[in-house]
Amino acid sequence: MSYSGDTRVGGPADLRRLTNLTISKLTVGPMDNNAYLLRCHSTGEAVLIDAAAEPDRILDMVGEGGLARVITTHRHQDHWTALAEVVGQTGARTVAHPDDGEELPVSVDEPVVHGTRVPVGESSLTVIHLRGHTPGSIALRYDDPDGRTHLFTGDSLFPGGVGRTWSDEDFRTLFGDVEERVFGALADDTWVYPGHGADTTLGAERPHLGEWRERGW
């Protein structure tokens, strides 16, 4: 079956096989968080984005192929509840932005900033710093050789708007970063994998940027 991104807590992971990577999406925990496993076809190396909850289910998804790194998109606890156990069981290295890293339950082995590349076997993810939801929120960009970009946005971008903010200043910062660093840099066919809920594309969301700016959330 083709990938839909339609996953539910307690249900199986949805798999998407790309040219060089396989993406597995699993929904876990009481806040319906998405955890994403990217595995390189050539080397078998895998990277997890957000060890959010239910470590047993995440470890089942990882399987016997091992785990090289866990990237945490931001400091909020629902995105790292399973982090310590997953890292303890696999020996994976931890990756996060330093502005959020001190809030995590484990030390950060590989601090990253805007533009840093994180290897996934023979491929890599590019870090996009999106300030506002938290100071150190990041998205991860993967440019597939088939021409399409795949973007893992944590809680900074969802279908229907940017992530939650707690002040007008934070909203303006987040909206500005998303407008410039995401919509201003990437094509409409970019596939968006958010931290909760269904996937979307930049093309589906771009016509609504003016509405988001006007409403302020």
N, C-alpha and C. Protein backbone atom coordinates (compact mmCIF):
# COMPACT_ATOMS: atom_id res chain seq x y z
N MET A 1 0.84 -1.20 0.00
CA MET A 1 0.00 0.00 0.00
C MET A 1 0.88 1.25 0.00
N SER A 2 0.38 2.30 -0.64
CA SER A 2 1.14 3.54 -0.70
C SER A 2 1.08 4.27 0.63
N TYR A 3 2.05 5.12 0.86
CA TYR A 3 2.13 5.88 2.10
C TYR A 3 1.02 6.93 2.15
N SER A 4 0.35 7.04 3.31
CA SER A 4 -0.68 8.06 3.49
C SER A 4 -0.34 9.02 4.62
N GLY A 5 0.50 8.57 5.59
CA GLY A 5 0.76 9.37 6.77
C GLY A 5 -0.37 9.35 7.77
N ASP A 6 -1.38 8.52 7.54
CA ASP A 6 -2.54 8.44 8.44
C ASP A 6 -2.27 7.37 9.49
N THR A 7 -1.74 7.77 10.62
CA THR A 7 -1.39 6.83 11.69
C THR A 7 -2.17 7.18 12.96
N ARG A 8 -2.32 6.18 13.82
CA ARG A 8 -3.07 6.33 15.06
C ARG A 8 -2.30 5.69 16.20
N VAL A 9 -2.48 6.21 17.40
CA VAL A 9 -1.86 5.60 18.58
C VAL A 9 -2.32 4.15 18.69
N GLY A 10 -1.37 3.25 18.90
CA GLY A 10 -1.67 1.83 18.98
C GLY A 10 -1.66 1.11 17.65
N GLY A 11 -1.64 1.87 16.56
CA GLY A 11 -1.63 1.28 15.24
C GLY A 11 -0.22 1.09 14.71
N PRO A 12 -0.10 0.47 13.54
CA PRO A 12 1.22 0.21 12.97
C PRO A 12 1.85 1.48 12.40
N ALA A 13 3.15 1.41 12.21
CA ALA A 13 3.85 2.50 11.52
C ALA A 13 3.46 2.49 10.04
N ASP A 14 3.44 3.66 9.44
CA ASP A 14 3.25 3.80 8.00
C ASP A 14 4.63 3.99 7.37
N LEU A 15 4.92 3.23 6.33
CA LEU A 15 6.24 3.23 5.72
C LEU A 15 6.22 3.90 4.35
N ARG A 16 7.26 4.69 4.12
CA ARG A 16 7.42 5.34 2.82
C ARG A 16 8.83 5.05 2.33
N ARG A 17 8.93 4.36 1.22
CA ARG A 17 10.23 4.00 0.67
C ARG A 17 10.63 5.02 -0.38
N LEU A 18 11.71 5.75 -0.10
CA LEU A 18 12.25 6.72 -1.05
C LEU A 18 13.45 6.12 -1.77
N THR A 19 14.11 6.90 -2.59
CA THR A 19 15.23 6.38 -3.38
C THR A 19 16.34 5.83 -2.50
N ASN A 20 16.72 6.58 -1.46
CA ASN A 20 17.85 6.18 -0.61
C ASN A 20 17.47 5.90 0.84
N LEU A 21 16.28 6.29 1.25
CA LEU A 21 15.85 6.13 2.64
C LEU A 21 14.47 5.51 2.72
N THR A 22 14.19 4.85 3.83
CA THR A 22 12.82 4.49 4.19
C THR A 22 12.42 5.35 5.39
N ILE A 23 11.24 5.96 5.31
CA ILE A 23 10.68 6.74 6.42
C ILE A 23 9.57 5.93 7.06
N SER A 24 9.64 5.74 8.37
CA SER A 24 8.57 5.09 9.12
C SER A 24 7.96 6.11 10.07
N LYS A 25 6.65 6.26 10.03
CA LYS A 25 5.92 7.19 10.90
C LYS A 25 5.10 6.40 11.90
N LEU A 26 5.30 6.68 13.18
CA LEU A 26 4.59 5.99 14.27
C LEU A 26 3.98 7.03 15.19
N THR A 27 2.72 6.88 15.55
CA THR A 27 2.06 7.81 16.47
C THR A 27 1.98 7.18 17.85
N VAL A 28 2.41 7.93 18.86
CA VAL A 28 2.58 7.37 20.21
C VAL A 28 2.08 8.37 21.26
N GLY A 29 1.69 7.81 22.43
CA GLY A 29 1.48 8.61 23.62
C GLY A 29 0.15 9.31 23.71
N PRO A 30 -0.14 9.90 24.87
CA PRO A 30 -1.44 10.53 25.12
C PRO A 30 -1.69 11.80 24.34
N MET A 31 -0.65 12.38 23.76
CA MET A 31 -0.83 13.60 22.97
C MET A 31 -0.66 13.36 21.47
N ASP A 32 -0.76 12.08 21.07
CA ASP A 32 -0.72 11.71 19.65
C ASP A 32 0.51 12.28 18.95
N ASN A 33 1.67 12.06 19.55
CA ASN A 33 2.92 12.53 18.94
C ASN A 33 3.35 11.61 17.81
N ASN A 34 4.00 12.18 16.83
CA ASN A 34 4.59 11.40 15.75
C ASN A 34 6.09 11.22 15.99
N ALA A 35 6.54 9.98 15.85
CA ALA A 35 7.97 9.65 15.86
C ALA A 35 8.32 9.13 14.48
N TYR A 36 9.45 9.58 13.94
CA TYR A 36 9.84 9.21 12.58
C TYR A 36 11.20 8.51 12.60
N LEU A 37 11.27 7.36 11.95
CA LEU A 37 12.52 6.62 11.80
C LEU A 37 12.95 6.68 10.34
N LEU A 38 14.17 7.16 10.11
CA LEU A 38 14.74 7.22 8.76
C LEU A 38 15.90 6.24 8.70
N ARG A 39 15.84 5.33 7.72
CA ARG A 39 16.90 4.33 7.61
C ARG A 39 17.48 4.34 6.20
N CYS A 40 18.81 4.40 6.13
CA CYS A 40 19.54 4.41 4.86
C CYS A 40 19.50 3.02 4.23
N HIS A 41 19.13 2.94 2.96
CA HIS A 41 19.08 1.65 2.28
C HIS A 41 20.46 1.03 2.13
N SER A 42 21.47 1.86 1.87
CA SER A 42 22.79 1.33 1.56
C SER A 42 23.53 0.83 2.80
N THR A 43 23.48 1.60 3.88
CA THR A 43 24.28 1.27 5.07
C THR A 43 23.47 0.65 6.21
N GLY A 44 22.16 0.84 6.18
CA GLY A 44 21.32 0.37 7.29
C GLY A 44 21.28 1.31 8.47
N GLU A 45 22.07 2.40 8.42
CA GLU A 45 22.09 3.34 9.54
C GLU A 45 20.73 4.04 9.66
N ALA A 46 20.29 4.24 10.92
CA ALA A 46 18.98 4.82 11.17
C ALA A 46 19.07 5.99 12.13
N VAL A 47 18.17 6.94 11.93
CA VAL A 47 18.04 8.12 12.79
C VAL A 47 16.57 8.24 13.17
N LEU A 48 16.31 8.51 14.45
CA LEU A 48 14.96 8.72 14.95
C LEU A 48 14.74 10.21 15.19
N ILE A 49 13.61 10.72 14.75
CA ILE A 49 13.22 12.09 15.05
C ILE A 49 12.12 12.04 16.10
N ASP A 50 12.42 12.52 17.30
CA ASP A 50 11.53 12.62 18.45
C ASP A 50 11.16 11.26 19.07
N ALA A 51 11.89 10.92 20.13
CA ALA A 51 11.55 9.75 20.95
C ALA A 51 10.46 10.19 21.93
N ALA A 52 9.25 10.31 21.42
CA ALA A 52 8.21 11.06 22.12
C ALA A 52 7.61 10.30 23.31
N ALA A 53 7.27 9.04 23.14
CA ALA A 53 6.59 8.26 24.18
C ALA A 53 6.61 6.80 23.77
N GLU A 54 6.11 5.93 24.66
CA GLU A 54 5.99 4.50 24.37
C GLU A 54 7.31 3.93 23.82
N PRO A 55 8.34 3.90 24.65
CA PRO A 55 9.64 3.44 24.16
C PRO A 55 9.61 2.03 23.60
N ASP A 56 8.78 1.15 24.14
CA ASP A 56 8.73 -0.22 23.62
C ASP A 56 8.28 -0.24 22.17
N ARG A 57 7.29 0.56 21.84
CA ARG A 57 6.81 0.60 20.45
C ARG A 57 7.84 1.23 19.54
N ILE A 58 8.52 2.26 20.02
CA ILE A 58 9.57 2.87 19.21
C ILE A 58 10.70 1.89 18.98
N LEU A 59 11.10 1.18 20.01
CA LEU A 59 12.18 0.20 19.86
C LEU A 59 11.78 -0.94 18.94
N ASP A 60 10.51 -1.34 18.96
CA ASP A 60 10.03 -2.34 18.01
C ASP A 60 10.16 -1.83 16.58
N MET A 61 9.86 -0.55 16.38
CA MET A 61 10.00 0.04 15.04
C MET A 61 11.47 0.06 14.61
N VAL A 62 12.36 0.39 15.54
CA VAL A 62 13.79 0.39 15.23
C VAL A 62 14.26 -1.01 14.85
N GLY A 63 13.79 -2.02 15.60
CA GLY A 63 14.14 -3.40 15.32
C GLY A 63 15.61 -3.70 15.56
N GLU A 64 16.12 -4.69 14.87
CA GLU A 64 17.49 -5.15 15.09
C GLU A 64 18.52 -4.38 14.28
N GLY A 65 18.06 -3.43 13.48
CA GLY A 65 19.00 -2.70 12.63
C GLY A 65 19.81 -1.65 13.35
N GLY A 66 19.45 -1.37 14.61
CA GLY A 66 20.22 -0.40 15.38
C GLY A 66 19.78 1.02 15.12
N LEU A 67 20.31 1.93 15.94
CA LEU A 67 19.94 3.33 15.87
C LEU A 67 21.18 4.18 16.13
N ALA A 68 21.51 5.04 15.17
CA ALA A 68 22.73 5.85 15.29
C ALA A 68 22.49 7.12 16.10
N ARG A 69 21.35 7.78 15.87
CA ARG A 69 21.09 9.08 16.49
C ARG A 69 19.61 9.24 16.78
N VAL A 70 19.33 10.04 17.82
CA VAL A 70 17.97 10.52 18.08
C VAL A 70 18.01 12.04 18.05
N ILE A 71 17.24 12.63 17.14
CA ILE A 71 17.13 14.07 17.04
C ILE A 71 15.86 14.50 17.79
N THR A 72 15.99 15.47 18.68
CA THR A 72 14.83 16.02 19.37
C THR A 72 14.53 17.39 18.80
N THR A 73 13.30 17.57 18.30
CA THR A 73 12.98 18.81 17.59
C THR A 73 12.86 20.01 18.52
N HIS A 74 12.48 19.77 19.79
CA HIS A 74 12.39 20.89 20.74
C HIS A 74 12.21 20.36 22.15
N ARG A 75 12.20 21.27 23.11
CA ARG A 75 12.31 20.93 24.53
C ARG A 75 11.04 20.41 25.18
N HIS A 76 9.88 20.52 24.57
CA HIS A 76 8.65 20.15 25.25
C HIS A 76 8.60 18.65 25.55
N GLN A 77 8.14 18.33 26.75
CA GLN A 77 8.31 16.98 27.28
C GLN A 77 7.61 15.91 26.45
N ASP A 78 6.50 16.25 25.83
CA ASP A 78 5.80 15.22 25.04
C ASP A 78 6.63 14.75 23.85
N HIS A 79 7.70 15.46 23.52
CA HIS A 79 8.56 15.04 22.41
C HIS A 79 9.81 14.28 22.85
N TRP A 80 9.98 14.10 24.17
CA TRP A 80 11.19 13.38 24.62
C TRP A 80 10.94 12.42 25.79
N THR A 81 9.69 12.08 26.06
CA THR A 81 9.40 11.20 27.21
C THR A 81 10.13 9.87 27.12
N ALA A 82 10.30 9.34 25.91
CA ALA A 82 10.96 8.05 25.73
C ALA A 82 12.44 8.18 25.43
N LEU A 83 12.98 9.38 25.44
CA LEU A 83 14.35 9.60 24.96
C LEU A 83 15.38 8.84 25.78
N ALA A 84 15.33 8.96 27.10
CA ALA A 84 16.35 8.32 27.94
C ALA A 84 16.35 6.82 27.76
N GLU A 85 15.16 6.21 27.70
CA GLU A 85 15.11 4.75 27.55
C GLU A 85 15.57 4.30 26.16
N VAL A 86 15.15 5.01 25.13
CA VAL A 86 15.56 4.63 23.77
C VAL A 86 17.08 4.76 23.62
N VAL A 87 17.64 5.85 24.14
CA VAL A 87 19.09 6.02 24.06
C VAL A 87 19.80 4.98 24.92
N GLY A 88 19.26 4.68 26.10
CA GLY A 88 19.88 3.68 26.95
C GLY A 88 19.87 2.29 26.34
N GLN A 89 18.81 1.96 25.61
CA GLN A 89 18.70 0.64 25.00
C GLN A 89 19.52 0.50 23.72
N THR A 90 19.72 1.60 23.02
CA THR A 90 20.36 1.51 21.69
C THR A 90 21.77 2.07 21.65
N GLY A 91 22.13 2.93 22.61
CA GLY A 91 23.42 3.61 22.54
C GLY A 91 23.47 4.72 21.52
N ALA A 92 22.30 5.15 21.03
CA ALA A 92 22.26 6.20 20.02
C ALA A 92 22.78 7.52 20.58
N ARG A 93 23.37 8.32 19.72
CA ARG A 93 23.82 9.66 20.09
C ARG A 93 22.63 10.62 20.02
N THR A 94 22.67 11.64 20.86
CA THR A 94 21.56 12.59 20.94
C THR A 94 21.90 13.87 20.20
N VAL A 95 20.89 14.44 19.55
CA VAL A 95 21.05 15.63 18.71
C VAL A 95 19.94 16.61 19.06
N ALA A 96 20.29 17.87 19.29
CA ALA A 96 19.31 18.93 19.54
C ALA A 96 19.98 20.28 19.41
N HIS A 97 19.17 21.33 19.31
CA HIS A 97 19.71 22.69 19.31
C HIS A 97 20.11 23.07 20.73
N PRO A 98 21.23 23.75 20.92
CA PRO A 98 21.68 24.07 22.27
C PRO A 98 20.72 24.95 23.06
N ASP A 99 19.88 25.74 22.38
CA ASP A 99 18.95 26.60 23.10
C ASP A 99 17.85 25.80 23.81
N ASP A 100 17.66 24.55 23.40
CA ASP A 100 16.67 23.68 24.06
C ASP A 100 17.32 22.49 24.76
N GLY A 101 18.58 22.23 24.47
CA GLY A 101 19.23 21.00 24.93
C GLY A 101 19.28 20.83 26.43
N GLU A 102 19.40 21.93 27.18
CA GLU A 102 19.52 21.81 28.62
C GLU A 102 18.22 21.36 29.28
N GLU A 103 17.12 21.43 28.56
CA GLU A 103 15.83 21.00 29.10
C GLU A 103 15.57 19.51 28.87
N LEU A 104 16.44 18.83 28.18
CA LEU A 104 16.23 17.41 27.87
C LEU A 104 16.73 16.55 29.03
N PRO A 105 16.24 15.31 29.14
CA PRO A 105 16.60 14.45 30.27
C PRO A 105 17.96 13.77 30.12
N VAL A 106 18.60 13.94 28.97
CA VAL A 106 19.93 13.38 28.72
C VAL A 106 20.79 14.48 28.12
N SER A 107 22.10 14.32 28.21
CA SER A 107 22.98 15.31 27.61
C SER A 107 22.94 15.21 26.09
N VAL A 108 23.23 16.32 25.44
CA VAL A 108 23.22 16.38 23.98
C VAL A 108 24.63 16.09 23.46
N ASP A 109 24.77 15.01 22.72
CA ASP A 109 26.07 14.63 22.17
C ASP A 109 26.48 15.48 20.99
N GLU A 110 25.50 15.87 20.17
CA GLU A 110 25.78 16.60 18.94
C GLU A 110 24.87 17.83 18.86
N PRO A 111 25.31 18.96 19.43
CA PRO A 111 24.52 20.19 19.29
C PRO A 111 24.49 20.64 17.83
N VAL A 112 23.34 21.12 17.37
CA VAL A 112 23.20 21.54 15.98
C VAL A 112 22.62 22.95 15.93
N VAL A 113 22.93 23.67 14.86
CA VAL A 113 22.40 25.01 14.63
C VAL A 113 21.88 25.07 13.19
N HIS A 114 21.33 26.23 12.84
CA HIS A 114 20.78 26.40 11.49
C HIS A 114 21.84 26.08 10.44
N GLY A 115 21.50 25.16 9.55
CA GLY A 115 22.41 24.78 8.48
C GLY A 115 23.25 23.55 8.75
N THR A 116 23.30 23.07 9.99
CA THR A 116 24.05 21.85 10.30
C THR A 116 23.48 20.67 9.53
N ARG A 117 24.36 19.79 9.07
CA ARG A 117 23.92 18.56 8.41
C ARG A 117 24.09 17.38 9.36
N VAL A 118 23.05 16.58 9.46
CA VAL A 118 23.05 15.39 10.31
C VAL A 118 23.04 14.16 9.41
N PRO A 119 24.06 13.30 9.48
CA PRO A 119 24.11 12.15 8.57
C PRO A 119 23.07 11.09 8.89
N VAL A 120 22.56 10.49 7.83
CA VAL A 120 21.73 9.28 7.92
C VAL A 120 22.33 8.31 6.92
N GLY A 121 23.36 7.58 7.33
CA GLY A 121 24.08 6.74 6.39
C GLY A 121 24.71 7.59 5.30
N GLU A 122 24.40 7.28 4.05
CA GLU A 122 24.97 8.02 2.93
C GLU A 122 24.18 9.28 2.59
N SER A 123 23.09 9.54 3.30
CA SER A 123 22.29 10.75 3.09
C SER A 123 22.48 11.68 4.27
N SER A 124 21.79 12.80 4.26
CA SER A 124 21.88 13.72 5.39
C SER A 124 20.62 14.56 5.49
N LEU A 125 20.39 15.08 6.70
CA LEU A 125 19.31 16.02 6.98
C LEU A 125 19.94 17.38 7.25
N THR A 126 19.29 18.43 6.79
CA THR A 126 19.75 19.79 7.06
C THR A 126 18.86 20.43 8.11
N VAL A 127 19.49 21.00 9.14
CA VAL A 127 18.76 21.62 10.24
C VAL A 127 18.26 23.00 9.82
N ILE A 128 16.98 23.27 10.10
CA ILE A 128 16.39 24.59 9.92
C ILE A 128 15.93 25.07 11.29
N HIS A 129 16.54 26.13 11.79
CA HIS A 129 16.18 26.68 13.10
C HIS A 129 14.94 27.55 12.92
N LEU A 130 13.86 27.19 13.64
CA LEU A 130 12.59 27.91 13.56
C LEU A 130 12.23 28.39 14.96
N ARG A 131 12.64 29.59 15.30
CA ARG A 131 12.46 30.12 16.65
C ARG A 131 11.01 30.56 16.87
N GLY A 132 10.54 30.41 18.12
CA GLY A 132 9.22 30.94 18.44
C GLY A 132 8.37 29.99 19.24
N HIS A 133 8.20 28.74 18.76
CA HIS A 133 7.49 27.75 19.58
C HIS A 133 8.29 27.48 20.83
N THR A 134 9.58 27.28 20.66
CA THR A 134 10.58 27.32 21.72
C THR A 134 11.82 27.99 21.13
N PRO A 135 12.77 28.41 21.96
CA PRO A 135 13.95 29.07 21.40
C PRO A 135 14.78 28.18 20.48
N GLY A 136 14.80 26.89 20.77
CA GLY A 136 15.66 25.99 20.01
C GLY A 136 14.92 25.02 19.12
N SER A 137 13.69 25.33 18.73
CA SER A 137 12.94 24.44 17.84
C SER A 137 13.64 24.32 16.49
N ILE A 138 13.67 23.11 15.96
CA ILE A 138 14.28 22.87 14.66
C ILE A 138 13.37 22.03 13.78
N ALA A 139 13.53 22.19 12.48
CA ALA A 139 12.97 21.29 11.49
C ALA A 139 14.14 20.60 10.79
N LEU A 140 13.86 19.47 10.16
CA LEU A 140 14.89 18.69 9.45
C LEU A 140 14.47 18.54 8.00
N ARG A 141 15.35 18.95 7.11
CA ARG A 141 15.09 18.92 5.67
C ARG A 141 15.86 17.78 5.02
N TYR A 142 15.14 16.96 4.24
CA TYR A 142 15.79 15.92 3.46
C TYR A 142 15.45 16.12 1.99
N ASP A 143 16.48 16.29 1.18
CA ASP A 143 16.30 16.47 -0.26
C ASP A 143 16.53 15.14 -0.96
N ASP A 144 15.44 14.53 -1.40
CA ASP A 144 15.52 13.22 -2.04
C ASP A 144 16.07 13.38 -3.47
N PRO A 145 16.87 12.42 -3.94
CA PRO A 145 17.38 12.51 -5.31
C PRO A 145 16.30 12.55 -6.37
N ASP A 146 15.06 12.13 -6.04
CA ASP A 146 13.99 12.19 -7.03
C ASP A 146 13.48 13.61 -7.25
N GLY A 147 14.02 14.56 -6.44
CA GLY A 147 13.66 15.96 -6.63
C GLY A 147 12.75 16.53 -5.58
N ARG A 148 12.10 15.70 -4.79
CA ARG A 148 11.16 16.20 -3.77
C ARG A 148 11.88 16.37 -2.43
N THR A 149 11.51 17.43 -1.72
CA THR A 149 12.02 17.67 -0.37
C THR A 149 11.03 17.13 0.65
N HIS A 150 11.56 16.54 1.72
CA HIS A 150 10.77 16.02 2.83
C HIS A 150 11.19 16.79 4.07
N LEU A 151 10.20 17.36 4.79
CA LEU A 151 10.48 18.28 5.88
C LEU A 151 9.78 17.83 7.16
N PHE A 152 10.58 17.60 8.21
CA PHE A 152 10.08 17.17 9.51
C PHE A 152 10.06 18.40 10.41
N THR A 153 8.87 18.87 10.79
CA THR A 153 8.73 20.22 11.33
C THR A 153 8.50 20.28 12.83
N GLY A 154 8.48 19.16 13.55
CA GLY A 154 8.20 19.22 14.97
C GLY A 154 6.89 19.93 15.22
N ASP A 155 6.87 20.90 16.14
CA ASP A 155 5.65 21.66 16.42
C ASP A 155 5.69 23.07 15.85
N SER A 156 6.51 23.30 14.83
CA SER A 156 6.61 24.63 14.24
C SER A 156 5.68 24.86 13.07
N LEU A 157 5.24 23.79 12.40
CA LEU A 157 4.35 23.93 11.25
C LEU A 157 3.45 22.71 11.16
N PHE A 158 2.15 22.97 11.03
CA PHE A 158 1.13 21.93 10.91
C PHE A 158 0.21 22.25 9.73
N PRO A 159 -0.63 21.29 9.33
CA PRO A 159 -1.72 21.66 8.43
C PRO A 159 -2.58 22.73 9.10
N GLY A 160 -2.72 23.88 8.46
CA GLY A 160 -3.57 24.92 9.01
C GLY A 160 -2.88 26.00 9.79
N GLY A 161 -1.57 25.93 9.98
CA GLY A 161 -0.92 27.01 10.69
C GLY A 161 0.42 26.66 11.29
N VAL A 162 1.06 27.68 11.84
CA VAL A 162 2.30 27.46 12.56
C VAL A 162 1.98 26.95 13.97
N GLY A 163 3.03 26.54 14.69
CA GLY A 163 2.82 25.99 16.02
C GLY A 163 2.38 27.04 17.03
N ARG A 164 1.99 26.57 18.20
CA ARG A 164 1.51 27.45 19.25
C ARG A 164 2.64 28.35 19.76
N THR A 165 2.28 29.60 20.03
CA THR A 165 3.21 30.53 20.67
C THR A 165 2.50 31.19 21.84
N TRP A 166 3.29 31.85 22.70
CA TRP A 166 2.76 32.37 23.95
C TRP A 166 2.83 33.89 24.05
N SER A 167 3.20 34.56 22.97
CA SER A 167 3.21 36.02 22.93
C SER A 167 3.19 36.46 21.48
N ASP A 168 2.78 37.72 21.28
CA ASP A 168 2.79 38.27 19.92
C ASP A 168 4.20 38.26 19.34
N GLU A 169 5.18 38.56 20.18
CA GLU A 169 6.55 38.57 19.70
C GLU A 169 6.99 37.19 19.24
N ASP A 170 6.66 36.15 20.04
CA ASP A 170 7.01 34.78 19.65
C ASP A 170 6.32 34.39 18.34
N PHE A 171 5.04 34.80 18.20
CA PHE A 171 4.34 34.47 16.95
C PHE A 171 5.03 35.13 15.76
N ARG A 172 5.36 36.41 15.89
CA ARG A 172 6.00 37.11 14.77
C ARG A 172 7.34 36.47 14.43
N THR A 173 8.07 36.02 15.46
CA THR A 173 9.36 35.37 15.21
C THR A 173 9.16 34.05 14.47
N LEU A 174 8.22 33.22 14.96
CA LEU A 174 7.99 31.92 14.34
C LEU A 174 7.45 32.09 12.93
N PHE A 175 6.45 32.95 12.77
CA PHE A 175 5.89 33.15 11.44
C PHE A 175 6.96 33.65 10.47
N GLY A 176 7.79 34.57 10.93
CA GLY A 176 8.85 35.09 10.07
C GLY A 176 9.83 34.02 9.65
N ASP A 177 10.24 33.17 10.61
CA ASP A 177 11.18 32.10 10.27
C ASP A 177 10.54 31.10 9.31
N VAL A 178 9.30 30.72 9.57
CA VAL A 178 8.62 29.75 8.70
C VAL A 178 8.42 30.34 7.31
N GLU A 179 8.05 31.61 7.24
CA GLU A 179 7.83 32.23 5.94
C GLU A 179 9.13 32.31 5.15
N GLU A 180 10.22 32.71 5.82
CA GLU A 180 11.50 32.90 5.11
C GLU A 180 12.22 31.58 4.87
N ARG A 181 12.36 30.78 5.92
CA ARG A 181 13.24 29.61 5.86
C ARG A 181 12.57 28.35 5.32
N VAL A 182 11.24 28.35 5.32
CA VAL A 182 10.51 27.19 4.79
C VAL A 182 9.82 27.58 3.49
N PHE A 183 8.78 28.42 3.56
CA PHE A 183 8.03 28.75 2.34
C PHE A 183 8.86 29.54 1.35
N GLY A 184 9.79 30.36 1.84
CA GLY A 184 10.62 31.14 0.93
C GLY A 184 11.74 30.35 0.28
N ALA A 185 12.01 29.17 0.79
CA ALA A 185 13.16 28.40 0.31
C ALA A 185 12.79 27.09 -0.38
N LEU A 186 11.56 26.61 -0.15
CA LEU A 186 11.21 25.26 -0.60
C LEU A 186 10.00 25.28 -1.53
N ALA A 187 9.93 24.27 -2.38
CA ALA A 187 8.90 24.19 -3.41
C ALA A 187 7.56 23.70 -2.84
N ASP A 188 6.51 23.91 -3.62
CA ASP A 188 5.17 23.52 -3.19
C ASP A 188 5.01 22.03 -2.97
N ASP A 189 5.79 21.20 -3.67
CA ASP A 189 5.62 19.75 -3.50
C ASP A 189 6.37 19.21 -2.29
N THR A 190 7.00 20.09 -1.49
CA THR A 190 7.67 19.65 -0.26
C THR A 190 6.65 18.99 0.65
N TRP A 191 6.98 17.79 1.10
CA TRP A 191 6.08 17.04 1.98
C TRP A 191 6.42 17.36 3.43
N VAL A 192 5.41 17.71 4.21
CA VAL A 192 5.59 18.14 5.59
C VAL A 192 5.12 17.05 6.54
N TYR A 193 6.04 16.64 7.44
CA TYR A 193 5.76 15.64 8.47
C TYR A 193 5.77 16.35 9.83
N PRO A 194 4.62 16.65 10.41
CA PRO A 194 4.59 17.41 11.66
C PRO A 194 4.75 16.53 12.90
N GLY A 195 4.86 17.21 14.04
CA GLY A 195 5.05 16.50 15.30
C GLY A 195 3.80 15.84 15.83
N HIS A 196 2.65 16.24 15.35
CA HIS A 196 1.37 15.64 15.71
C HIS A 196 0.49 15.62 14.46
N GLY A 197 -0.35 14.62 14.33
CA GLY A 197 -1.38 14.63 13.31
C GLY A 197 -0.93 14.32 11.91
N ALA A 198 -1.78 14.74 10.96
CA ALA A 198 -1.63 14.36 9.57
C ALA A 198 -0.53 15.17 8.88
N ASP A 199 -0.02 14.61 7.80
CA ASP A 199 0.96 15.28 6.96
C ASP A 199 0.27 16.31 6.07
N THR A 200 1.08 17.14 5.43
CA THR A 200 0.57 18.09 4.45
C THR A 200 1.68 18.39 3.45
N THR A 201 1.45 19.35 2.57
CA THR A 201 2.49 19.84 1.66
C THR A 201 2.54 21.35 1.76
N LEU A 202 3.66 21.94 1.36
CA LEU A 202 3.74 23.39 1.38
C LEU A 202 2.77 24.00 0.39
N GLY A 203 2.50 23.31 -0.71
CA GLY A 203 1.55 23.83 -1.69
C GLY A 203 0.15 23.95 -1.13
N ALA A 204 -0.23 23.01 -0.26
CA ALA A 204 -1.56 23.06 0.34
C ALA A 204 -1.67 24.20 1.34
N GLU A 205 -0.57 24.56 1.99
CA GLU A 205 -0.60 25.57 3.05
C GLU A 205 -0.26 26.97 2.57
N ARG A 206 0.50 27.10 1.51
CA ARG A 206 1.01 28.42 1.08
C ARG A 206 -0.11 29.46 0.85
N PRO A 207 -1.25 29.10 0.24
CA PRO A 207 -2.28 30.12 0.01
C PRO A 207 -2.84 30.74 1.27
N HIS A 208 -2.57 30.13 2.43
CA HIS A 208 -3.17 30.59 3.68
C HIS A 208 -2.22 31.42 4.55
N LEU A 209 -1.03 31.70 4.05
CA LEU A 209 -0.06 32.44 4.86
C LEU A 209 -0.60 33.80 5.31
N GLY A 210 -1.29 34.47 4.43
CA GLY A 210 -1.85 35.77 4.78
C GLY A 210 -2.88 35.66 5.90
N GLU A 211 -3.70 34.60 5.86
CA GLU A 211 -4.68 34.39 6.92
C GLU A 211 -3.98 34.15 8.26
N TRP A 212 -2.92 33.35 8.24
CA TRP A 212 -2.21 33.07 9.49
C TRP A 212 -1.61 34.35 10.07
N ARG A 213 -1.02 35.16 9.20
CA ARG A 213 -0.41 36.41 9.67
C ARG A 213 -1.49 37.31 10.28
N GLU A 214 -2.64 37.38 9.65
CA GLU A 214 -3.70 38.25 10.11
C GLU A 214 -4.29 37.80 11.45
N ARG A 215 -4.49 36.52 11.60
CA ARG A 215 -5.12 36.04 12.84
C ARG A 215 -4.15 35.99 14.00
N GLY A 216 -2.84 35.87 13.71
CA GLY A 216 -1.84 35.92 14.75
C GLY A 216 -1.61 34.64 15.51
N TRP A 217 -2.01 33.49 14.91
CA TRP A 217 -1.72 32.20 15.54
C TRP A 217 -1.76 31.11 14.47
